Amino acid sequence: MVEFANPRTLAHYDIYDWPMRNGASGEELGRPALGTPIYAAMPLLSARKRFVEDPAATQACVDTVARLGGAAFFERRDWLSHLRRQHSLAGMPGRWADEAAVRALVASEFEQSRELFLRHMGYSPHYLAYPWMMGSPWSLELARRFGLRGVFGVALDFRRARRRLPLRAFGRIKSDWLRLLPGSGRSSFLSIATGKVTGISRTQHLAH
């Protein structure tokens, strides 16, 4: 666990920054309720395991915040330690999903996206740009099985892209770096790097 949803984080992070959670009615996306425990997360296609939180433990923390004043609860100096105690009282706050379940979930990403391509475009894609990182060994193997010819990962994964993988993989860079190309309005490496570091410090995703 890395955080409890509180007024500061709800104001700071975009709705898309919050990772998927396991709730009483199933998978939940979007802004969590105040007091919701937030666990370290990464993109599904890059993950090798999955922790499924216990909805009862989550609800106990949310109910504690609601009972003790809602947003005003977080004005207390001991709010974090109070919620941590509540969280620990719940015992085991979740479980690790078995490997077969995780593999099936990863496979569903490829199945559903291919189905949508076939339905709306009439063909299935041959290349995939991972939204973050390069993708786990599982998802790379699944990409090959689903007919993909190559994948792209962020530039930081370029070394891994050069290793022996189930299919061709390429590093990619974000459009920020295009401003280094010659021409009017060209930027310096330092100005681009400074802007990226500043941006990361302000908008770092909880989910990555």
C-alpha atoms as a PDB file:
ATOM      1  CA  MET A   1       0.000   0.000   0.000  1.00  0.00           C
ATOM      2  CA  VAL A   2       1.377   3.423  -0.957  1.00  0.00           C
ATOM      3  CA  GLU A   3      -1.387   5.893  -0.143  1.00  0.00           C
ATOM      4  CA  PHE A   4      -4.899   6.550   1.123  1.00  0.00           C
ATOM      5  CA  ALA A   5      -7.152   8.646  -1.083  1.00  0.00           C
ATOM      6  CA  ASN A   6      -7.365  12.081   0.546  1.00  0.00           C
ATOM      7  CA  PRO A   7      -8.363  15.604  -0.527  1.00  0.00           C
ATOM      8  CA  ARG A   8      -4.798  16.487  -1.573  1.00  0.00           C
ATOM      9  CA  THR A   9      -4.343  13.488  -3.860  1.00  0.00           C
ATOM     10  CA  LEU A  10      -7.853  13.747  -5.271  1.00  0.00           C
ATOM     11  CA  ALA A  11      -7.134  17.343  -6.267  1.00  0.00           C
ATOM     12  CA  HIS A  12      -3.624  16.608  -7.552  1.00  0.00           C
ATOM     13  CA  TYR A  13      -4.143  13.525  -9.723  1.00  0.00           C
ATOM     14  CA  ASP A  14      -6.265  13.248 -12.825  1.00  0.00           C
ATOM     15  CA  ILE A  15      -9.107  10.740 -12.846  1.00  0.00           C
ATOM     16  CA  TYR A  16      -7.103   8.540 -15.244  1.00  0.00           C
ATOM     17  CA  ASP A  17      -4.125   8.363 -12.874  1.00  0.00           C
ATOM     18  CA  TRP A  18      -5.935   6.185 -10.360  1.00  0.00           C
ATOM     19  CA  PRO A  19      -5.292   2.456 -10.795  1.00  0.00           C
ATOM     20  CA  MET A  20      -8.076  -0.091 -11.171  1.00  0.00           C
ATOM     21  CA  ARG A  21      -9.336  -1.424  -7.839  1.00  0.00           C
ATOM     22  CA  ASN A  22     -11.270  -4.484  -6.706  1.00  0.00           C
ATOM     23  CA  GLY A  23     -14.530  -3.332  -5.128  1.00  0.00           C
ATOM     24  CA  ALA A  24     -17.586  -5.022  -3.681  1.00  0.00           C
ATOM     25  CA  SER A  25     -19.268  -5.000  -7.096  1.00  0.00           C
ATOM     26  CA  GLY A  26     -16.177  -5.936  -9.109  1.00  0.00           C
ATOM     27  CA  GLU A  27     -13.526  -3.891 -10.912  1.00  0.00           C
ATOM     28  CA  GLU A  28     -13.677  -0.151 -10.231  1.00  0.00           C
ATOM     29  CA  LEU A  29     -12.085   2.724 -12.142  1.00  0.00           C
ATOM     30  CA  GLY A  30     -12.034   6.454 -11.559  1.00  0.00           C
ATOM     31  CA  ARG A  31     -11.721   8.542  -8.430  1.00  0.00           C
ATOM     32  CA  PRO A  32     -11.812   6.483  -5.231  1.00  0.00           C
ATOM     33  CA  ALA A  33     -13.765   7.424  -2.106  1.00  0.00           C
ATOM     34  CA  LEU A  34     -11.905   9.270   0.640  1.00  0.00           C
ATOM     35  CA  GLY A  35      -9.919   6.807   2.733  1.00  0.00           C
ATOM     36  CA  THR A  36      -9.572   4.160   0.015  1.00  0.00           C
ATOM     37  CA  PRO A  37      -6.219   2.318   0.335  1.00  0.00           C
ATOM     38  CA  ILE A  38      -4.169   2.725  -2.852  1.00  0.00           C
ATOM     39  CA  TYR A  39      -1.696  -0.022  -3.675  1.00  0.00           C
ATOM     40  CA  ALA A  40       1.424   0.173  -5.834  1.00  0.00           C
ATOM     41  CA  ALA A  41       0.401  -0.592  -9.401  1.00  0.00           C
ATOM     42  CA  MET A  42       1.709  -0.849 -12.929  1.00  0.00           C
ATOM     43  CA  PRO A  43       0.103  -1.355 -16.355  1.00  0.00           C
ATOM     44  CA  LEU A  44      -1.506  -4.760 -16.751  1.00  0.00           C
ATOM     45  CA  LEU A  45       0.460  -5.604 -19.896  1.00  0.00           C
ATOM     46  CA  SER A  46       3.724  -5.072 -18.026  1.00  0.00           C
ATOM     47  CA  ALA A  47       2.761  -6.816 -14.776  1.00  0.00           C
ATOM     48  CA  ARG A  48       3.799 -10.334 -13.751  1.00  0.00           C
ATOM     49  CA  LYS A  49       1.514 -10.635 -10.717  1.00  0.00           C
ATOM     50  CA  ARG A  50      -1.613  -9.029  -9.313  1.00  0.00           C
ATOM     51  CA  PHE A  51      -2.747  -8.231  -5.802  1.00  0.00           C
ATOM     52  CA  VAL A  52      -6.536  -8.302  -5.391  1.00  0.00           C
ATOM     53  CA  GLU A  53      -7.535  -6.132  -2.457  1.00  0.00           C
ATOM     54  CA  ASP A  54     -10.274  -7.135  -0.020  1.00  0.00           C
ATOM     55  CA  PRO A  55     -13.329  -4.861  -0.482  1.00  0.00           C
ATOM     56  CA  ALA A  56     -14.179  -5.251   3.227  1.00  0.00           C
ATOM     57  CA  ALA A  57     -10.807  -3.809   4.287  1.00  0.00           C
ATOM     58  CA  THR A  58     -11.277  -0.931   1.883  1.00  0.00           C
ATOM     59  CA  GLN A  59     -14.810  -0.248   3.119  1.00  0.00           C
ATOM     60  CA  ALA A  60     -13.631  -0.219   6.742  1.00  0.00           C
ATOM     61  CA  CYS A  61     -11.185   2.599   5.933  1.00  0.00           C
ATOM     62  CA  VAL A  62     -13.755   4.525   3.896  1.00  0.00           C
ATOM     63  CA  ASP A  63     -16.346   4.180   6.677  1.00  0.00           C
ATOM     64  CA  THR A  64     -13.822   5.409   9.256  1.00  0.00           C
ATOM     65  CA  VAL A  65     -13.217   8.594   7.285  1.00  0.00           C
ATOM     66  CA  ALA A  66     -16.949   9.185   6.774  1.00  0.00           C
ATOM     67  CA  ARG A  67     -17.687   8.616  10.474  1.00  0.00           C
ATOM     68  CA  LEU A  68     -14.930  10.986  11.613  1.00  0.00           C
ATOM     69  CA  GLY A  69     -15.839  13.960   9.474  1.00  0.00           C
ATOM     70  CA  GLY A  70     -15.160  13.180   5.825  1.00  0.00           C
ATOM     71  CA  ALA A  71     -12.726  15.663   4.290  1.00  0.00           C
ATOM     72  CA  ALA A  72     -12.308  17.360   7.692  1.00  0.00           C
ATOM     73  CA  PHE A  73     -10.816  14.107   9.037  1.00  0.00           C
ATOM     74  CA  PHE A  74      -7.659  14.806   7.031  1.00  0.00           C
ATOM     75  CA  GLU A  75      -7.046  17.999   8.983  1.00  0.00           C
ATOM     76  CA  ARG A  76      -6.056  15.831  11.946  1.00  0.00           C
ATOM     77  CA  ARG A  77      -2.313  15.458  12.432  1.00  0.00           C
ATOM     78  CA  ASP A  78      -2.695  11.731  13.062  1.00  0.00           C
ATOM     79  CA  TRP A  79      -4.982  10.897  10.126  1.00  0.00           C
ATOM     80  CA  LEU A  80      -2.391   8.734   8.368  1.00  0.00           C
ATOM     81  CA  SER A  81      -1.462   6.660  11.425  1.00  0.00           C
ATOM     82  CA  HIS A  82      -5.155   6.328  12.304  1.00  0.00           C
ATOM     83  CA  LEU A  83      -5.987   4.905   8.864  1.00  0.00           C
ATOM     84  CA  ARG A  84      -2.972   2.626   8.907  1.00  0.00           C
ATOM     85  CA  ARG A  85      -4.163   1.145  12.183  1.00  0.00           C
ATOM     86  CA  GLN A  86      -7.639   0.665  10.761  1.00  0.00           C
ATOM     87  CA  HIS A  87      -6.136  -0.981   7.698  1.00  0.00           C
ATOM     88  CA  SER A  88      -4.007  -3.353   9.779  1.00  0.00           C
ATOM     89  CA  LEU A  89      -7.021  -4.347  11.909  1.00  0.00           C
ATOM     90  CA  ALA A  90      -8.610  -5.774   8.792  1.00  0.00           C
ATOM     91  CA  GLY A  91      -6.005  -8.564   8.825  1.00  0.00           C
ATOM     92  CA  MET A  92      -4.930  -9.716   5.376  1.00  0.00           C
ATOM     93  CA  PRO A  93      -6.189  -6.868   3.163  1.00  0.00           C
ATOM     94  CA  GLY A  94      -6.274  -9.005   0.016  1.00  0.00           C
ATOM     95  CA  ARG A  95      -4.750 -11.910  -1.867  1.00  0.00           C
ATOM     96  CA  TRP A  96      -2.417 -12.596  -4.759  1.00  0.00           C
ATOM     97  CA  ALA A  97      -4.260 -13.723  -7.877  1.00  0.00           C
ATOM     98  CA  ASP A  98      -3.100 -17.066  -9.221  1.00  0.00           C
ATOM     99  CA  GLU A  99      -0.924 -17.075 -12.336  1.00  0.00           C
ATOM    100  CA  ALA A 100      -3.617 -18.545 -14.589  1.00  0.00           C
ATOM    101  CA  ALA A 101      -6.035 -15.736 -13.689  1.00  0.00           C
ATOM    102  CA  VAL A 102      -3.440 -13.056 -14.433  1.00  0.00           C
ATOM    103  CA  ARG A 103      -2.537 -14.643 -17.757  1.00  0.00           C
ATOM    104  CA  ALA A 104      -6.224 -14.828 -18.707  1.00  0.00           C
ATOM    105  CA  LEU A 105      -6.708 -11.170 -17.822  1.00  0.00           C
ATOM    106  CA  VAL A 106      -3.715 -10.134 -19.935  1.00  0.00           C
ATOM    107  CA  ALA A 107      -4.979 -12.271 -22.829  1.00  0.00           C
ATOM    108  CA  SER A 108      -8.368 -10.546 -22.634  1.00  0.00           C
ATOM    109  CA  GLU A 109      -6.680  -7.242 -23.528  1.00  0.00           C
ATOM    110  CA  PHE A 110      -5.522  -8.706 -26.839  1.00  0.00           C
ATOM    111  CA  GLU A 111      -8.778 -10.564 -27.471  1.00  0.00           C
ATOM    112  CA  GLN A 112     -11.009  -7.544 -26.909  1.00  0.00           C
ATOM    113  CA  SER A 113      -8.836  -5.092 -28.839  1.00  0.00           C
ATOM    114  CA  ARG A 114      -8.606  -7.461 -31.840  1.00  0.00           C
ATOM    115  CA  GLU A 115     -12.368  -7.974 -31.764  1.00  0.00           C
ATOM    116  CA  LEU A 116     -12.951  -4.202 -31.807  1.00  0.00           C
ATOM    117  CA  PHE A 117     -10.526  -3.710 -34.699  1.00  0.00           C
ATOM    118  CA  LEU A 118     -12.236  -6.430 -36.728  1.00  0.00           C
ATOM    119  CA  ARG A 119     -15.681  -5.057 -35.971  1.00  0.00           C
ATOM    120  CA  HIS A 120     -14.969  -1.398 -36.753  1.00  0.00           C
ATOM    121  CA  MET A 121     -12.025  -1.520 -39.181  1.00  0.00           C
ATOM    122  CA  GLY A 122     -12.388  -4.890 -40.852  1.00  0.00           C
ATOM    123  CA  TYR A 123      -8.871  -6.055 -40.005  1.00  0.00           C
ATOM    124  CA  SER A 124      -6.709  -6.795 -36.968  1.00  0.00           C
ATOM    125  CA  PRO A 125      -3.592  -4.730 -36.142  1.00  0.00           C
ATOM    126  CA  HIS A 126      -0.053  -5.957 -36.806  1.00  0.00           C
ATOM    127  CA  TYR A 127       1.779  -3.606 -34.419  1.00  0.00           C
ATOM    128  CA  LEU A 128       1.250  -2.456 -30.846  1.00  0.00           C
ATOM    129  CA  ALA A 129       2.672   0.524 -28.975  1.00  0.00           C
ATOM    130  CA  TYR A 130       2.687  -0.304 -25.278  1.00  0.00           C
ATOM    131  CA  PRO A 131       1.335   2.726 -23.393  1.00  0.00           C
ATOM    132  CA  TRP A 132       3.994   2.368 -20.677  1.00  0.00           C
ATOM    133  CA  MET A 133       7.136   0.218 -20.456  1.00  0.00           C
ATOM    134  CA  MET A 134       7.764  -2.664 -22.866  1.00  0.00           C
ATOM    135  CA  GLY A 135       5.399  -5.335 -21.628  1.00  0.00           C
ATOM    136  CA  SER A 136       5.906  -8.496 -19.599  1.00  0.00           C
ATOM    137  CA  PRO A 137       7.254 -11.737 -21.121  1.00  0.00           C
ATOM    138  CA  TRP A 138       3.668 -13.045 -20.959  1.00  0.00           C
ATOM    139  CA  SER A 139       2.208 -10.187 -22.943  1.00  0.00           C
ATOM    140  CA  LEU A 140       5.016 -10.284 -25.525  1.00  0.00           C
ATOM    141  CA  GLU A 141       4.355 -13.969 -26.131  1.00  0.00           C
ATOM    142  CA  LEU A 142       0.600 -13.299 -26.328  1.00  0.00           C
ATOM    143  CA  ALA A 143       1.219 -10.463 -28.783  1.00  0.00           C
ATOM    144  CA  ARG A 144       2.996 -12.948 -31.063  1.00  0.00           C
ATOM    145  CA  ARG A 145       0.187 -15.513 -30.713  1.00  0.00           C
ATOM    146  CA  PHE A 146      -2.416 -12.904 -31.616  1.00  0.00           C
ATOM    147  CA  GLY A 147      -0.647 -12.136 -34.867  1.00  0.00           C
ATOM    148  CA  LEU A 148       1.291  -9.005 -33.999  1.00  0.00           C
ATOM    149  CA  ARG A 149       4.527  -8.583 -35.960  1.00  0.00           C
ATOM    150  CA  GLY A 150       6.173  -6.026 -33.714  1.00  0.00           C
ATOM    151  CA  VAL A 151       5.744  -3.887 -30.612  1.00  0.00           C
ATOM    152  CA  PHE A 152       7.029  -0.540 -29.400  1.00  0.00           C
ATOM    153  CA  GLY A 153       8.039   0.391 -25.852  1.00  0.00           C
ATOM    154  CA  VAL A 154       9.276   3.647 -24.364  1.00  0.00           C
ATOM    155  CA  ALA A 155      12.872   4.704 -24.991  1.00  0.00           C
ATOM    156  CA  LEU A 156      13.949   3.642 -21.491  1.00  0.00           C
ATOM    157  CA  ASP A 157      13.264   0.044 -22.541  1.00  0.00           C
ATOM    158  CA  PHE A 158      15.411   0.233 -25.659  1.00  0.00           C
ATOM    159  CA  ARG A 159      18.108  -2.065 -24.237  1.00  0.00           C
ATOM    160  CA  ARG A 160      15.523  -4.709 -23.548  1.00  0.00           C
ATOM    161  CA  ALA A 161      14.159  -4.299 -27.077  1.00  0.00           C
ATOM    162  CA  ARG A 162      17.544  -5.431 -28.408  1.00  0.00           C
ATOM    163  CA  ARG A 163      17.418  -8.771 -26.556  1.00  0.00           C
ATOM    164  CA  ARG A 164      15.984 -11.988 -27.931  1.00  0.00           C
ATOM    165  CA  LEU A 165      12.206 -11.649 -27.587  1.00  0.00           C
ATOM    166  CA  PRO A 166       9.178 -13.540 -28.985  1.00  0.00           C
ATOM    167  CA  LEU A 167       8.714 -10.876 -31.692  1.00  0.00           C
ATOM    168  CA  ARG A 168      10.447  -7.747 -32.945  1.00  0.00           C
ATOM    169  CA  ALA A 169      10.438  -4.914 -30.418  1.00  0.00           C
ATOM    170  CA  PHE A 170      11.484  -1.291 -30.832  1.00  0.00           C
ATOM    171  CA  GLY A 171      12.176   1.526 -28.413  1.00  0.00           C
ATOM    172  CA  ARG A 172      10.203   4.705 -28.983  1.00  0.00           C
ATOM    173  CA  ILE A 173      10.510   8.288 -27.823  1.00  0.00           C
ATOM    174  CA  LYS A 174       7.806  10.798 -26.959  1.00  0.00           C
ATOM    175  CA  SER A 175       7.010  13.730 -29.227  1.00  0.00           C
ATOM    176  CA  ASP A 176       8.755  16.160 -26.835  1.00  0.00           C
ATOM    177  CA  TRP A 177      12.085  15.180 -28.374  1.00  0.00           C
ATOM    178  CA  LEU A 178      10.976  16.166 -31.903  1.00  0.00           C
ATOM    179  CA  ARG A 179      11.776  19.744 -30.919  1.00  0.00           C
ATOM    180  CA  LEU A 180      15.475  18.802 -31.109  1.00  0.00           C
ATOM    181  CA  LEU A 181      15.223  18.472 -34.895  1.00  0.00           C
ATOM    182  CA  PRO A 182      16.720  21.345 -36.934  1.00  0.00           C
ATOM    183  CA  GLY A 183      14.404  24.158 -37.940  1.00  0.00           C
ATOM    184  CA  SER A 184      12.514  27.156 -36.638  1.00  0.00           C
ATOM    185  CA  GLY A 185      11.698  26.932 -32.930  1.00  0.00           C
ATOM    186  CA  ARG A 186      14.282  24.249 -32.243  1.00  0.00           C
ATOM    187  CA  SER A 187      14.787  23.587 -28.518  1.00  0.00           C
ATOM    188  CA  SER A 188      17.891  22.605 -26.585  1.00  0.00           C
ATOM    189  CA  PHE A 189      18.302  19.231 -24.907  1.00  0.00           C
ATOM    190  CA  LEU A 190      18.553  20.951 -21.525  1.00  0.00           C
ATOM    191  CA  SER A 191      15.273  22.833 -21.897  1.00  0.00           C
ATOM    192  CA  ILE A 192      13.390  19.689 -22.944  1.00  0.00           C
ATOM    193  CA  ALA A 193      14.924  17.550 -20.192  1.00  0.00           C
ATOM    194  CA  THR A 194      14.173  20.207 -17.569  1.00  0.00           C
ATOM    195  CA  GLY A 195      10.557  20.414 -18.698  1.00  0.00           C
ATOM    196  CA  LYS A 196      10.139  16.645 -18.543  1.00  0.00           C
ATOM    197  CA  VAL A 197      11.583  16.392 -15.035  1.00  0.00           C
ATOM    198  CA  THR A 198       9.331  19.224 -13.858  1.00  0.00           C
ATOM    199  CA  GLY A 199       6.312  17.577 -15.465  1.00  0.00           C
ATOM    200  CA  ILE A 200       7.019  14.224 -13.842  1.00  0.00           C
ATOM    201  CA  SER A 201       7.315  15.800 -10.404  1.00  0.00           C
ATOM    202  CA  ARG A 202       3.921  17.459 -10.856  1.00  0.00           C
ATOM    203  CA  THR A 203       1.902  14.719 -12.503  1.00  0.00           C
ATOM    204  CA  GLN A 204       3.547  11.408 -11.675  1.00  0.00           C
ATOM    205  CA  HIS A 205       0.863   8.756 -12.050  1.00  0.00           C
ATOM    206  CA  LEU A 206      -0.086   6.700  -9.008  1.00  0.00           C
ATOM    207  CA  ALA A 207      -0.535   3.816 -11.381  1.00  0.00           C
ATOM    208  CA  HIS A 208       3.045   3.770 -12.671  1.00  0.00           C
END
